[in-house]
Amino acid sequence: MANFFQRVSRSIGNILNPNSFIYQLFGGSTTYSGSEVSGSTAPQMATVYACVDLISRTIATLPFQVYLKTEHGTELREGHPLNRLISRRPNEKYNSIDFRRAFVSSMLLHGNAYILPVREGNQLKALELIPNDNVVIDTSTGKLRYKIYIDGRYSLELNADQIIHLKAFTLDGINGISPISYARETIGTGIAASQHLAKHYGKGTVPPGLLQIQETIRDPERLKIIGGQFDDAVKNGRTPVLPGGAEYKGITTTLRDSQFIETMKWGKEEVCSIYQVPPHKVGMLDGGAQNNSIEAQNNQFLMDCIRPWVEIIELEFEEKLLSNNSFIVEMDMNSLLRGDTLTQVQRQVSLWNIGAINADEIRREWNLPPIPGGQEFFSPMHMSTQNDIQNGKINKENSGAQKGAKETESATGSGAN
């Protein structure tokens, strides 16, 4: 009789290959392709992994800091208690980049990311990322409450303003929905196609078929040996030697006949559209510049994909971590919009020419020290304000200059005579 462990193992499967009901219990499902798809298994499809990695890595490397709002714009506040947590190290376990990559990936794959502000009194000390499985949202009392479970037991019950809740997509404003849930069939097909390709090459690219033997063989073991020798030879790249009168006949269609390549390409494009990632950003270069240039697609990626995520994060952090409305948190996207060196130089020269920036501000972007006179602002001589024109200041200066020039010319002429 099987022991308890064996019965449980047969029931739930192992960790790497759990049975279907276990996937469903934790938010996954079985697709028509037969692949089990959830937030944890979806990255098995390379395009899902590439999109999630690209978005999370891009957001994680943006400068993320606290600013003070003033009548002249915003000023960086490096000494603010929150600034070090979001820009350098949110807690002792990981740095800011790893922290942001983790919670952005959680949003993209599972639909939610939970961050617990850790305080001592009224002072914020750390930011802790809470696994999705440890959080239960409760609205049964009419109020939004978050129950946090630690080590398998109930530990905390928090109000909505005591926890940062980042949602990928939501229909009710409370519960986040994973993009994976709307693309399970596409992702499942992609996973199944990759597995089919792996099996195809694992068998030496020879499709399954029949060995038709002319002679009569009554010994089942001998038939197994002949089939095994053929399979081993093909799998190891050797030429199989068939018994006399034997003939191999394939019984499946080829990859081309099943439009395998087209299926793989379609699946990749569908995943890119779900995450709003231009295909060329994840290695799909076919037709990358069909409708737009690569530069235009890069700008589209920043505006349509990265910017919405950034605004979601900024707003939630401000609402939950800053009680003073004079302060804001901001991820600086200017570093992504600078372009190549020539484009940066042209932009800086244009701003310097109209007096929008000075030489020291330009040098600061290139990590160069200030220079004497670098704080001065310059503007072209042929430009002036509208008030100066209306008040006749320019006309007076011009007429005075013209009068002085005529007097000088007259004096020069008289001296010459």
Protein backbone atom coordinates (compact mmCIF):
# COMPACT_ATOMS: atom_id res chain seq x y z
CA MET A 1 0.00 0.00 0.00
CA ALA A 2 1.32 3.38 -0.93
CA ASN A 3 2.33 5.58 1.97
CA PHE A 4 0.87 9.05 2.60
CA PHE A 5 3.68 10.91 0.79
CA GLN A 6 3.30 8.77 -2.32
CA ARG A 7 -0.48 9.32 -2.40
CA VAL A 8 -0.04 13.09 -2.04
CA SER A 9 2.67 13.12 -4.73
CA ARG A 10 0.40 11.33 -7.18
CA SER A 11 -2.38 13.77 -6.32
CA ILE A 12 -0.59 17.11 -6.59
CA GLY A 13 2.45 16.22 -8.74
CA ASN A 14 5.94 17.53 -8.07
CA ILE A 15 7.06 21.15 -7.77
CA LEU A 16 8.35 21.38 -11.32
CA ASN A 17 5.33 19.64 -12.85
CA PRO A 18 2.26 20.13 -10.62
CA ASN A 19 -1.12 18.82 -11.58
CA SER A 20 -3.74 21.05 -13.22
CA PHE A 21 -5.85 21.81 -10.16
CA ILE A 22 -2.77 23.17 -8.35
CA TYR A 23 -2.21 25.70 -11.17
CA GLN A 24 -5.85 26.74 -10.97
CA LEU A 25 -5.64 27.10 -7.21
CA PHE A 26 -2.85 29.69 -7.56
CA GLY A 27 -4.32 31.62 -10.50
CA GLY A 28 -3.12 29.53 -13.42
CA SER A 29 -5.10 27.54 -15.96
CA THR A 30 -4.73 24.88 -18.61
CA THR A 31 -4.90 26.19 -22.17
CA TYR A 32 -6.25 24.41 -25.24
CA SER A 33 -2.65 23.76 -26.29
CA GLY A 34 -2.22 21.72 -23.11
CA SER A 35 0.28 24.14 -21.54
CA GLU A 36 -0.21 25.31 -17.98
CA VAL A 37 -0.05 29.13 -17.93
CA SER A 38 0.27 31.36 -14.88
CA GLY A 39 2.33 34.37 -13.86
CA SER A 40 5.12 32.02 -12.80
CA THR A 41 5.18 29.84 -15.93
CA ALA A 42 4.49 32.52 -18.59
CA PRO A 43 8.19 33.62 -18.78
CA GLN A 44 8.92 30.17 -20.25
CA MET A 45 7.84 31.87 -23.47
CA ALA A 46 10.91 33.87 -24.43
CA THR A 47 8.94 36.91 -25.63
CA VAL A 48 7.12 37.23 -22.29
CA TYR A 49 10.44 37.10 -20.47
CA ALA A 50 12.00 39.63 -22.86
CA CYS A 51 9.11 42.11 -22.51
CA VAL A 52 8.97 41.87 -18.72
CA ASP A 53 12.75 42.10 -18.42
CA LEU A 54 12.91 45.13 -20.75
CA ILE A 55 10.16 47.10 -19.00
CA SER A 56 11.32 46.32 -15.47
CA ARG A 57 14.97 47.00 -16.30
CA THR A 58 14.15 50.31 -17.98
CA ILE A 59 12.05 51.56 -15.05
CA ALA A 60 14.54 50.27 -12.47
CA THR A 61 17.41 52.30 -13.91
CA LEU A 62 15.55 55.64 -14.06
CA PRO A 63 16.67 58.22 -11.46
CA PHE A 64 13.97 58.06 -8.76
CA GLN A 65 14.11 60.88 -6.21
CA VAL A 66 12.19 63.32 -4.01
CA TYR A 67 11.61 66.90 -5.17
CA LEU A 68 10.24 70.04 -3.51
CA LYS A 69 7.69 72.06 -5.49
CA THR A 70 8.56 75.77 -5.66
CA GLU A 71 7.24 78.74 -7.59
CA HIS A 72 10.20 78.35 -9.93
CA GLY A 73 9.73 74.61 -10.58
CA THR A 74 11.06 71.69 -8.55
CA GLU A 75 14.22 71.28 -6.48
CA LEU A 76 15.92 67.99 -5.62
CA ARG A 77 15.81 67.10 -1.92
CA GLU A 78 18.53 64.50 -1.37
CA GLY A 79 18.29 64.91 2.41
CA HIS A 80 14.63 63.87 2.58
CA PRO A 81 14.20 60.56 4.53
CA LEU A 82 12.34 58.95 1.62
CA ASN A 83 14.95 59.91 -0.97
CA ARG A 84 17.55 57.35 0.08
CA LEU A 85 14.96 54.57 0.28
CA ILE A 86 13.71 55.03 -3.27
CA SER A 87 16.98 56.10 -4.91
CA ARG A 88 19.56 53.89 -3.18
CA ARG A 89 18.47 51.16 -0.74
CA PRO A 90 14.86 50.54 0.37
CA ASN A 91 15.99 48.04 3.01
CA GLU A 92 19.05 46.08 4.06
CA LYS A 93 18.31 43.11 1.77
CA TYR A 94 18.46 44.70 -1.68
CA ASN A 95 19.21 47.94 -3.52
CA SER A 96 16.78 50.24 -5.31
CA ILE A 97 17.32 48.72 -8.76
CA ASP A 98 16.62 45.15 -7.63
CA PHE A 99 13.67 46.41 -5.60
CA ARG A 100 12.06 48.16 -8.57
CA ARG A 101 12.74 45.30 -10.97
CA ALA A 102 11.00 42.96 -8.52
CA PHE A 103 7.81 44.95 -7.99
CA VAL A 104 7.47 45.96 -11.66
CA SER A 105 7.90 42.31 -12.72
CA SER A 106 5.29 41.31 -10.15
CA MET A 107 2.83 43.79 -11.66
CA LEU A 108 3.51 42.62 -15.21
CA LEU A 109 3.21 38.91 -14.43
CA HIS A 110 0.76 38.71 -11.53
CA GLY A 111 -1.19 41.95 -11.87
CA ASN A 112 -0.32 43.27 -8.40
CA ALA A 113 2.66 44.41 -6.35
CA TYR A 114 2.47 45.10 -2.61
CA ILE A 115 5.00 47.22 -0.71
CA LEU A 116 4.86 47.63 3.06
CA PRO A 117 6.26 50.88 4.54
CA VAL A 118 8.10 50.02 7.76
CA ARG A 119 8.01 52.83 10.33
CA GLU A 120 9.43 53.50 13.76
CA GLY A 121 6.99 55.91 15.28
CA ASN A 122 6.34 58.48 12.57
CA GLN A 123 9.69 57.95 10.84
CA LEU A 124 9.87 55.82 7.70
CA LYS A 125 12.71 53.29 7.97
CA ALA A 126 12.33 50.79 5.11
CA LEU A 127 10.19 49.54 2.24
CA GLU A 128 9.46 45.80 2.16
CA LEU A 129 8.12 43.92 -0.89
CA ILE A 130 5.33 41.53 0.14
CA PRO A 131 4.68 38.38 -1.99
CA ASN A 132 1.28 38.36 -3.69
CA ASP A 133 0.32 35.07 -2.07
CA ASN A 134 0.70 36.66 1.40
CA VAL A 135 -1.90 39.38 0.81
CA VAL A 136 -5.68 39.09 0.90
CA ILE A 137 -7.90 42.06 0.02
CA ASP A 138 -11.01 42.26 2.21
CA THR A 139 -14.02 44.47 1.36
CA SER A 140 -16.63 42.47 3.29
CA THR A 141 -17.08 45.24 5.86
CA GLY A 142 -17.56 47.95 3.27
CA LYS A 143 -14.05 49.30 3.89
CA LEU A 144 -10.93 48.36 1.98
CA ARG A 145 -8.61 46.32 4.20
CA TYR A 146 -5.45 44.35 3.48
CA LYS A 147 -4.64 41.20 5.44
CA ILE A 148 -0.95 40.28 5.44
CA TYR A 149 0.02 36.69 6.22
CA ILE A 150 3.56 35.88 7.32
CA ASP A 151 4.93 32.36 7.78
CA GLY A 152 1.51 30.86 7.10
CA ARG A 153 -0.31 32.71 9.86
CA TYR A 154 -2.32 35.93 10.03
CA SER A 155 -0.14 38.79 11.13
CA LEU A 156 -1.34 42.24 10.05
CA GLU A 157 -4.53 43.99 9.01
CA LEU A 158 -3.93 47.31 7.31
CA ASN A 159 -5.97 50.18 5.95
CA ALA A 160 -5.55 51.13 2.30
CA ASP A 161 -3.32 54.10 3.20
CA GLN A 162 -0.89 51.85 5.09
CA ILE A 163 0.28 49.77 2.14
CA ILE A 164 1.42 50.56 -1.40
CA HIS A 165 -0.68 48.61 -3.90
CA LEU A 166 0.43 48.82 -7.54
CA LYS A 167 -2.00 47.39 -10.09
CA ALA A 168 -1.25 46.45 -13.70
CA PHE A 169 -4.86 46.51 -14.88
CA THR A 170 -8.06 46.77 -12.93
CA LEU A 171 -11.79 46.64 -13.60
CA ASP A 172 -12.98 47.70 -10.13
CA GLY A 173 -10.10 49.94 -9.00
CA ILE A 174 -9.26 47.53 -6.17
CA ASN A 175 -8.06 44.21 -7.58
CA GLY A 176 -5.23 44.06 -10.08
CA ILE A 177 -5.55 41.75 -13.09
CA SER A 178 -2.53 40.20 -14.75
CA PRO A 179 -2.01 40.77 -18.49
CA ILE A 180 -1.24 37.04 -18.56
CA SER A 181 -4.87 36.24 -17.78
CA TYR A 182 -5.97 37.85 -21.06
CA ALA A 183 -3.26 36.17 -23.12
CA ARG A 184 -3.20 32.64 -21.72
CA GLU A 185 -4.06 30.96 -25.01
CA THR A 186 -1.46 32.97 -26.95
CA ILE A 187 1.23 32.28 -24.36
CA GLY A 188 0.18 28.64 -24.02
CA THR A 189 0.47 28.20 -27.79
CA GLY A 190 3.92 29.80 -27.71
CA ILE A 191 5.09 27.50 -24.92
CA ALA A 192 3.68 24.45 -26.70
CA ALA A 193 5.34 25.49 -29.97
CA SER A 194 8.71 25.89 -28.23
CA GLN A 195 8.35 22.47 -26.61
CA HIS A 196 7.40 20.96 -29.97
CA LEU A 197 10.49 22.48 -31.57
CA ALA A 198 12.67 21.18 -28.74
CA LYS A 199 11.27 17.67 -29.18
CA HIS A 200 11.74 17.95 -32.93
CA TYR A 201 15.45 18.70 -32.59
CA GLY A 202 15.79 16.31 -29.67
CA LYS A 203 14.82 13.54 -32.05
CA GLY A 204 17.32 14.59 -34.67
CA THR A 205 14.70 16.57 -36.68
CA VAL A 206 13.22 13.29 -37.94
CA PRO A 207 9.44 13.28 -37.40
CA PRO A 208 7.76 10.29 -35.73
CA GLY A 209 6.94 7.53 -38.14
CA LEU A 210 6.70 3.80 -38.80
CA LEU A 211 9.35 1.18 -39.49
CA GLN A 212 7.71 -1.16 -41.99
CA ILE A 213 9.50 -4.51 -41.94
CA GLN A 214 8.85 -7.03 -44.69
CA GLU A 215 9.79 -10.11 -42.72
CA THR A 216 7.62 -11.50 -39.95
CA ILE A 217 9.00 -10.93 -36.46
CA ARG A 218 7.09 -12.59 -33.68
CA ASP A 219 9.37 -11.58 -30.82
CA PRO A 220 8.13 -8.29 -29.27
CA GLU A 221 11.48 -7.71 -27.57
CA ARG A 222 13.31 -7.83 -30.88
CA LEU A 223 10.89 -5.24 -32.30
CA LYS A 224 11.65 -2.98 -29.34
CA ILE A 225 15.37 -3.40 -29.87
CA ILE A 226 15.12 -2.52 -33.59
CA GLY A 227 12.99 0.58 -32.84
CA GLY A 228 15.30 1.64 -30.03
CA GLN A 229 18.41 1.31 -32.18
CA PHE A 230 16.77 3.45 -34.88
CA ASP A 231 15.72 6.16 -32.39
CA ASP A 232 19.15 6.24 -30.72
CA ALA A 233 20.94 6.55 -34.04
CA VAL A 234 18.76 9.47 -35.17
CA LYS A 235 18.94 11.23 -31.80
CA ASN A 236 22.74 11.02 -31.71
CA GLY A 237 23.18 12.17 -35.30
CA ARG A 238 24.22 8.78 -36.68
CA THR A 239 22.88 7.06 -39.79
CA PRO A 240 20.46 4.34 -38.74
CA VAL A 241 20.98 0.90 -40.25
CA LEU A 242 17.66 -0.83 -40.95
CA PRO A 243 17.11 -4.58 -41.08
CA GLY A 244 16.71 -6.16 -44.49
CA GLY A 245 13.52 -5.05 -46.21
CA ALA A 246 12.72 -2.39 -43.60
CA GLU A 247 11.41 1.02 -44.69
CA TYR A 248 10.83 4.22 -42.68
CA LYS A 249 7.58 6.13 -43.30
CA GLY A 250 6.88 9.44 -41.56
CA ILE A 251 3.35 9.93 -40.26
CA THR A 252 3.37 13.62 -39.25
CA THR A 253 3.50 16.86 -41.15
CA THR A 254 6.68 18.92 -41.32
CA LEU A 255 7.21 22.17 -39.44
CA ARG A 256 6.66 24.05 -42.69
CA ASP A 257 3.40 22.23 -43.40
CA SER A 258 2.06 23.17 -39.96
CA GLN A 259 3.08 26.85 -40.47
CA PHE A 260 5.22 26.57 -37.39
CA ILE A 261 7.30 29.67 -38.07
CA GLU A 262 4.21 31.78 -38.74
CA THR A 263 2.62 30.55 -35.51
CA MET A 264 5.71 31.43 -33.48
CA LYS A 265 5.89 34.89 -35.07
CA TRP A 266 2.20 35.55 -34.47
CA GLY A 267 2.52 34.60 -30.81
CA LYS A 268 5.48 36.93 -30.30
CA GLU A 269 3.66 39.86 -31.91
CA GLU A 270 0.59 39.24 -29.75
CA VAL A 271 2.66 39.32 -26.56
CA CYS A 272 4.40 42.52 -27.68
CA SER A 273 1.03 44.16 -28.29
CA ILE A 274 -0.20 43.18 -24.82
CA TYR A 275 2.80 44.82 -23.16
CA GLN A 276 2.97 47.74 -25.66
CA VAL A 277 6.56 46.85 -26.58
CA PRO A 278 7.72 47.50 -30.18
CA PRO A 279 8.79 44.10 -31.62
CA HIS A 280 12.29 45.32 -32.50
CA LYS A 281 12.96 45.96 -28.79
CA VAL A 282 12.80 42.21 -28.12
CA GLY A 283 14.74 41.07 -31.18
CA MET A 284 12.00 40.88 -33.82
CA LEU A 285 13.57 42.87 -36.64
CA ASP A 286 11.35 41.67 -39.52
CA GLY A 287 9.50 44.70 -40.81
CA GLY A 288 10.67 46.75 -37.86
CA ALA A 289 10.72 49.96 -39.89
CA GLN A 290 7.66 49.21 -42.04
CA ASN A 291 5.46 51.99 -40.76
CA ASN A 292 7.77 54.00 -38.53
CA SER A 293 11.47 54.54 -38.12
CA ILE A 294 13.28 52.81 -35.26
CA GLU A 295 13.65 56.18 -33.53
CA ALA A 296 9.90 56.79 -33.77
CA GLN A 297 9.22 53.33 -32.34
CA ASN A 298 11.62 54.01 -29.45
CA ASN A 299 9.75 57.21 -28.62
CA GLN A 300 6.48 55.31 -28.89
CA PHE A 301 7.82 52.72 -26.43
CA LEU A 302 8.68 55.43 -23.91
CA MET A 303 5.37 57.29 -24.28
CA ASP A 304 2.93 54.38 -24.62
CA CYS A 305 4.64 51.76 -22.45
CA ILE A 306 7.10 53.22 -19.92
CA ARG A 307 5.41 56.55 -19.12
CA PRO A 308 2.06 55.05 -17.92
CA TRP A 309 3.87 52.63 -15.58
CA VAL A 310 6.03 55.47 -14.25
CA GLU A 311 2.99 57.63 -13.48
CA ILE A 312 1.24 54.74 -11.71
CA ILE A 313 4.28 54.23 -9.48
CA GLU A 314 4.86 57.94 -8.80
CA LEU A 315 1.25 58.62 -7.80
CA GLU A 316 0.99 55.61 -5.47
CA PHE A 317 4.29 56.41 -3.73
CA GLU A 318 3.28 60.05 -3.24
CA GLU A 319 -0.17 59.16 -1.90
CA LYS A 320 1.11 56.58 0.60
CA LEU A 321 4.51 57.98 1.64
CA LEU A 322 4.32 61.79 1.47
CA SER A 323 1.94 63.65 3.78
CA ASN A 324 3.25 67.06 2.72
CA ASN A 325 1.82 68.08 -0.65
CA SER A 326 4.84 70.30 -1.26
CA PHE A 327 6.93 67.21 -1.99
CA ILE A 328 6.69 64.86 -4.97
CA VAL A 329 8.57 61.78 -6.18
CA GLU A 330 9.66 61.63 -9.77
CA MET A 331 11.36 59.22 -12.15
CA ASP A 332 13.47 61.24 -14.54
CA MET A 333 12.78 60.03 -18.09
CA ASN A 334 15.00 62.69 -19.68
CA SER A 335 17.90 60.26 -19.68
CA LEU A 336 15.92 58.02 -22.06
CA LEU A 337 15.01 60.89 -24.38
CA ARG A 338 18.50 62.26 -24.93
CA GLY A 339 19.30 60.18 -27.97
CA ASP A 340 22.83 59.81 -29.35
CA THR A 341 25.71 62.21 -28.66
CA LEU A 342 25.08 64.38 -31.72
CA THR A 343 21.41 64.77 -30.81
CA GLN A 344 22.32 65.73 -27.23
CA VAL A 345 24.81 68.35 -28.38
CA GLN A 346 22.34 69.86 -30.84
CA ARG A 347 19.66 70.05 -28.15
CA GLN A 348 22.02 71.72 -25.66
CA VAL A 349 23.32 74.23 -28.20
CA SER A 350 19.76 75.18 -29.14
CA LEU A 351 18.79 75.75 -25.50
CA TRP A 352 22.00 77.67 -24.80
CA ASN A 353 21.45 79.93 -27.83
CA ILE A 354 18.06 81.10 -26.58
CA GLY A 355 19.26 81.54 -23.00
CA ALA A 356 17.29 78.62 -21.55
CA ILE A 357 20.39 77.04 -19.98
CA ASN A 358 23.91 78.21 -19.20
CA ALA A 359 27.31 76.65 -19.83
CA ASP A 360 27.61 75.15 -16.33
CA GLU A 361 24.28 73.34 -16.70
CA ILE A 362 25.53 71.82 -19.95
CA ARG A 363 28.82 70.83 -18.34
CA ARG A 364 26.96 69.24 -15.42
CA GLU A 365 25.21 66.84 -17.82
CA TRP A 366 28.64 65.71 -19.05
CA ASN A 367 30.04 65.42 -15.50
CA LEU A 368 32.38 68.36 -16.04
CA PRO A 369 33.29 70.99 -13.37
CA PRO A 370 31.98 74.58 -13.52
CA ILE A 371 33.97 77.26 -15.32
CA PRO A 372 34.37 81.03 -14.70
CA GLY A 373 31.38 82.82 -16.19
CA GLY A 374 29.52 79.54 -16.64
CA GLN A 375 26.48 80.83 -14.73
CA GLU A 376 25.82 83.58 -17.27
CA PHE A 377 22.84 83.28 -19.63
CA PHE A 378 23.19 84.47 -23.20
CA SER A 379 20.67 85.35 -25.89
CA PRO A 380 21.03 86.33 -29.56
CA MET A 381 21.45 90.06 -30.24
CA HIS A 382 18.64 90.08 -32.79
CA MET A 383 16.09 88.84 -30.23
CA SER A 384 14.24 90.84 -27.54
CA THR A 385 11.07 90.65 -25.46
CA GLN A 386 7.72 91.79 -26.79
CA ASN A 387 7.51 94.50 -24.09
CA ASP A 388 10.75 96.05 -25.28
CA ILE A 389 9.36 96.24 -28.80
CA GLN A 390 6.05 97.75 -27.65
CA ASN A 391 7.77 100.33 -25.43
CA GLY A 392 9.96 101.47 -28.25
CA LYS A 393 13.14 100.49 -26.42
CA ILE A 394 14.59 98.73 -29.43
CA ASN A 395 13.63 101.63 -31.75
CA LYS A 396 15.24 104.14 -29.43
CA GLU A 397 18.41 102.06 -29.16
CA ASN A 398 18.50 101.56 -32.90
CA SER A 399 17.89 105.24 -33.65
CA GLY A 400 20.54 106.22 -31.09
CA ALA A 401 22.99 103.78 -32.61
CA GLN A 402 22.23 105.04 -36.10
CA LYS A 403 22.59 108.68 -34.97
CA GLY A 404 25.93 107.91 -33.34
CA ALA A 405 27.13 106.14 -36.46
CA LYS A 406 26.17 109.14 -38.62
CA GLU A 407 27.95 111.58 -36.31
CA THR A 408 31.06 109.43 -36.36
CA GLU A 409 30.88 109.17 -40.12
CA SER A 410 30.42 112.98 -40.42
CA ALA A 411 33.34 113.68 -38.09
CA THR A 412 35.53 111.26 -39.96
CA GLY A 413 34.58 112.85 -43.25
CA SER A 414 35.32 116.38 -41.95
CA GLY A 415 38.69 115.33 -40.64
CA ALA A 416 39.57 113.83 -43.97
CA ASN A 417 38.76 117.11 -45.77
